[in-house]
N, C-alpha and C. Protein backbone atom coordinates (compact mmCIF):
# COMPACT_ATOMS: atom_id res chain seq x y z
N MET A 1 -64.87 -11.90 15.10
CA MET A 1 -64.79 -12.16 13.68
C MET A 1 -65.43 -13.51 13.41
N VAL A 2 -66.35 -13.57 12.48
CA VAL A 2 -66.99 -14.82 12.10
C VAL A 2 -66.42 -15.25 10.77
N ASN A 3 -65.98 -16.49 10.71
CA ASN A 3 -65.41 -17.03 9.48
C ASN A 3 -66.52 -17.46 8.54
N LYS A 4 -66.16 -17.87 7.36
CA LYS A 4 -67.13 -18.33 6.37
C LYS A 4 -67.95 -19.51 6.87
N ASP A 5 -67.38 -20.31 7.75
CA ASP A 5 -68.09 -21.47 8.28
C ASP A 5 -68.84 -21.14 9.57
N ASN A 6 -69.07 -19.83 9.84
CA ASN A 6 -69.80 -19.33 11.02
C ASN A 6 -69.09 -19.60 12.34
N SER A 7 -67.79 -19.89 12.30
CA SER A 7 -67.04 -20.07 13.54
C SER A 7 -66.46 -18.73 13.98
N CYS A 8 -66.15 -18.60 15.25
CA CYS A 8 -65.59 -17.37 15.80
C CYS A 8 -64.11 -17.58 16.10
N LYS A 9 -63.36 -16.50 16.09
CA LYS A 9 -61.95 -16.55 16.46
C LYS A 9 -61.77 -15.94 17.83
N TYR A 10 -60.88 -16.54 18.62
CA TYR A 10 -60.56 -16.06 19.95
C TYR A 10 -59.06 -15.97 20.10
N LYS A 11 -58.60 -15.06 20.97
CA LYS A 11 -57.17 -15.02 21.27
C LYS A 11 -56.99 -15.15 22.78
N LEU A 12 -55.92 -15.80 23.15
CA LEU A 12 -55.59 -15.99 24.55
C LEU A 12 -55.12 -14.67 25.14
N ILE A 13 -55.74 -14.24 26.25
CA ILE A 13 -55.34 -12.98 26.88
C ILE A 13 -54.84 -13.17 28.30
N GLY A 14 -54.99 -14.39 28.86
CA GLY A 14 -54.51 -14.63 30.20
C GLY A 14 -54.76 -16.06 30.64
N PHE A 15 -54.06 -16.46 31.68
CA PHE A 15 -54.30 -17.78 32.26
C PHE A 15 -53.75 -17.82 33.67
N VAL A 16 -54.20 -18.81 34.41
CA VAL A 16 -53.77 -19.02 35.79
C VAL A 16 -53.14 -20.39 35.88
N SER A 17 -52.03 -20.47 36.59
CA SER A 17 -51.33 -21.73 36.80
C SER A 17 -51.01 -21.85 38.28
N HIS A 18 -50.74 -23.05 38.73
CA HIS A 18 -50.41 -23.22 40.15
C HIS A 18 -49.09 -23.95 40.32
N LEU A 19 -48.47 -23.67 41.44
CA LEU A 19 -47.25 -24.36 41.86
C LEU A 19 -47.61 -25.18 43.09
N GLY A 20 -46.98 -26.27 43.27
CA GLY A 20 -47.24 -27.11 44.44
C GLY A 20 -48.14 -28.27 44.08
N GLU A 21 -48.02 -29.33 44.84
CA GLU A 21 -48.73 -30.57 44.52
C GLU A 21 -49.92 -30.86 45.43
N THR A 22 -49.98 -30.24 46.60
CA THR A 22 -51.06 -30.54 47.53
C THR A 22 -51.87 -29.28 47.83
N ASP A 23 -53.05 -29.46 48.42
CA ASP A 23 -53.88 -28.31 48.77
C ASP A 23 -53.20 -27.40 49.79
N ASN A 24 -52.37 -27.98 50.66
CA ASN A 24 -51.68 -27.18 51.68
C ASN A 24 -50.44 -26.48 51.13
N ASN A 25 -50.00 -26.88 49.95
CA ASN A 25 -48.77 -26.34 49.38
C ASN A 25 -49.03 -25.88 47.94
N ARG A 26 -50.06 -25.07 47.75
CA ARG A 26 -50.43 -24.63 46.40
C ARG A 26 -50.38 -23.11 46.33
N HIS A 27 -49.80 -22.60 45.27
CA HIS A 27 -49.68 -21.17 45.06
C HIS A 27 -50.07 -20.86 43.62
N PHE A 28 -50.94 -19.89 43.42
CA PHE A 28 -51.42 -19.56 42.09
C PHE A 28 -50.70 -18.34 41.53
N ILE A 29 -50.41 -18.40 40.23
CA ILE A 29 -49.74 -17.31 39.52
C ILE A 29 -50.57 -16.99 38.27
N SER A 30 -50.72 -15.70 37.98
CA SER A 30 -51.48 -15.27 36.80
C SER A 30 -50.53 -14.77 35.73
N TYR A 31 -50.91 -15.01 34.50
CA TYR A 31 -50.19 -14.51 33.34
C TYR A 31 -51.19 -13.78 32.46
N CYS A 32 -50.91 -12.53 32.13
CA CYS A 32 -51.86 -11.72 31.36
C CYS A 32 -51.12 -10.93 30.29
N LYS A 33 -51.79 -10.79 29.15
CA LYS A 33 -51.23 -9.98 28.06
C LYS A 33 -51.82 -8.58 28.16
N ASN A 34 -50.95 -7.59 28.26
CA ASN A 34 -51.37 -6.20 28.37
C ASN A 34 -51.84 -5.72 26.99
N PRO A 35 -53.10 -5.26 26.89
CA PRO A 35 -53.60 -4.83 25.57
C PRO A 35 -52.98 -3.53 25.08
N ILE A 36 -52.35 -2.78 25.96
CA ILE A 36 -51.75 -1.50 25.55
C ILE A 36 -50.39 -1.70 24.89
N ASP A 37 -49.51 -2.48 25.55
CA ASP A 37 -48.17 -2.69 24.98
C ASP A 37 -48.01 -4.06 24.32
N ASP A 38 -49.06 -4.90 24.38
CA ASP A 38 -49.06 -6.23 23.73
C ASP A 38 -47.95 -7.14 24.27
N ILE A 39 -47.63 -6.97 25.55
CA ILE A 39 -46.59 -7.76 26.21
C ILE A 39 -47.22 -8.61 27.31
N TRP A 40 -46.72 -9.84 27.47
CA TRP A 40 -47.17 -10.72 28.53
C TRP A 40 -46.47 -10.38 29.84
N TYR A 41 -47.23 -10.47 30.96
CA TYR A 41 -46.70 -10.22 32.29
C TYR A 41 -47.08 -11.37 33.22
N LYS A 42 -46.21 -11.61 34.18
CA LYS A 42 -46.43 -12.63 35.21
C LYS A 42 -46.75 -11.91 36.51
N TYR A 43 -47.88 -12.28 37.13
CA TYR A 43 -48.33 -11.68 38.39
C TYR A 43 -48.21 -12.72 39.48
N ASN A 44 -47.24 -12.52 40.36
CA ASN A 44 -46.96 -13.45 41.44
C ASN A 44 -47.01 -12.66 42.75
N ASP A 45 -48.19 -12.64 43.37
CA ASP A 45 -48.45 -11.83 44.56
C ASP A 45 -48.14 -10.36 44.25
N ALA A 46 -47.24 -9.74 44.97
CA ALA A 46 -46.95 -8.32 44.77
C ALA A 46 -45.88 -8.09 43.71
N ILE A 47 -45.38 -9.16 43.11
CA ILE A 47 -44.32 -9.03 42.12
C ILE A 47 -44.90 -9.20 40.71
N VAL A 48 -44.69 -8.19 39.87
CA VAL A 48 -45.10 -8.25 38.47
C VAL A 48 -43.84 -8.21 37.63
N SER A 49 -43.72 -9.19 36.74
CA SER A 49 -42.52 -9.22 35.89
C SER A 49 -42.91 -9.40 34.43
N LYS A 50 -42.14 -8.75 33.59
CA LYS A 50 -42.35 -8.82 32.15
C LYS A 50 -41.82 -10.16 31.64
N ILE A 51 -42.55 -10.78 30.74
CA ILE A 51 -42.12 -12.03 30.13
C ILE A 51 -41.46 -11.67 28.80
N GLU A 52 -40.17 -11.86 28.73
CA GLU A 52 -39.40 -11.45 27.55
C GLU A 52 -39.70 -12.30 26.32
N ASN A 53 -39.81 -13.61 26.50
CA ASN A 53 -40.02 -14.51 25.37
C ASN A 53 -41.12 -15.51 25.75
N PHE A 54 -42.34 -15.23 25.36
CA PHE A 54 -43.49 -16.05 25.77
C PHE A 54 -43.30 -17.51 25.39
N LYS A 55 -42.94 -17.78 24.16
CA LYS A 55 -42.81 -19.17 23.70
C LYS A 55 -41.73 -19.92 24.48
N LYS A 56 -40.64 -19.26 24.76
CA LYS A 56 -39.54 -19.92 25.47
C LYS A 56 -39.82 -20.03 26.97
N ASP A 57 -40.27 -18.94 27.58
CA ASP A 57 -40.41 -18.89 29.04
C ASP A 57 -41.69 -19.53 29.55
N ILE A 58 -42.75 -19.53 28.76
CA ILE A 58 -44.05 -20.00 29.24
C ILE A 58 -44.52 -21.27 28.54
N LYS A 59 -44.59 -21.24 27.26
CA LYS A 59 -45.22 -22.31 26.48
C LYS A 59 -44.75 -23.70 26.87
N ASP A 60 -43.47 -23.88 27.07
CA ASP A 60 -42.93 -25.21 27.35
C ASP A 60 -42.74 -25.49 28.84
N ASN A 61 -42.96 -24.49 29.70
CA ASN A 61 -42.63 -24.66 31.12
C ASN A 61 -43.82 -24.55 32.07
N VAL A 62 -44.96 -24.04 31.61
CA VAL A 62 -46.09 -23.78 32.49
C VAL A 62 -47.32 -24.54 31.99
N ILE A 63 -48.01 -25.19 32.90
CA ILE A 63 -49.25 -25.88 32.56
C ILE A 63 -50.40 -25.04 33.12
N PRO A 64 -51.24 -24.46 32.25
CA PRO A 64 -52.32 -23.60 32.74
C PRO A 64 -53.47 -24.41 33.34
N ASP A 65 -54.12 -23.83 34.35
CA ASP A 65 -55.29 -24.43 34.97
C ASP A 65 -56.57 -23.78 34.46
N VAL A 66 -56.54 -22.47 34.26
CA VAL A 66 -57.69 -21.72 33.77
C VAL A 66 -57.21 -20.80 32.66
N LEU A 67 -57.90 -20.82 31.53
CA LEU A 67 -57.54 -19.99 30.39
C LEU A 67 -58.59 -18.90 30.18
N PHE A 68 -58.15 -17.72 29.78
CA PHE A 68 -59.05 -16.62 29.48
C PHE A 68 -58.85 -16.19 28.03
N PHE A 69 -59.95 -16.20 27.27
CA PHE A 69 -59.90 -15.84 25.86
C PHE A 69 -60.76 -14.62 25.60
N GLN A 70 -60.41 -13.88 24.55
CA GLN A 70 -61.19 -12.72 24.12
C GLN A 70 -61.65 -12.99 22.71
N LYS A 71 -62.95 -12.81 22.49
CA LYS A 71 -63.51 -13.01 21.16
C LYS A 71 -63.03 -11.91 20.24
N GLN A 72 -62.59 -12.29 19.04
CA GLN A 72 -62.12 -11.33 18.05
C GLN A 72 -63.28 -10.79 17.24
N GLU A 73 -63.23 -9.53 16.95
CA GLU A 73 -64.32 -8.92 16.18
C GLU A 73 -63.98 -8.84 14.72
């Protein structure tokens, strides 16, 4: 979608965060929004869990390292 000022809109669809402070003790976790059910999920190795309240569970507790956006049409 292009706005009147020729800017584009994007929505956050996923991000990667890490746990641990050193290179030897670092673990990456992915968070992705499912486009079918519009629900956020946490992917931690073989464990996938539904995020019940994104603002409460993620926004204030996780610092993302890599963000993934989708351009809106």
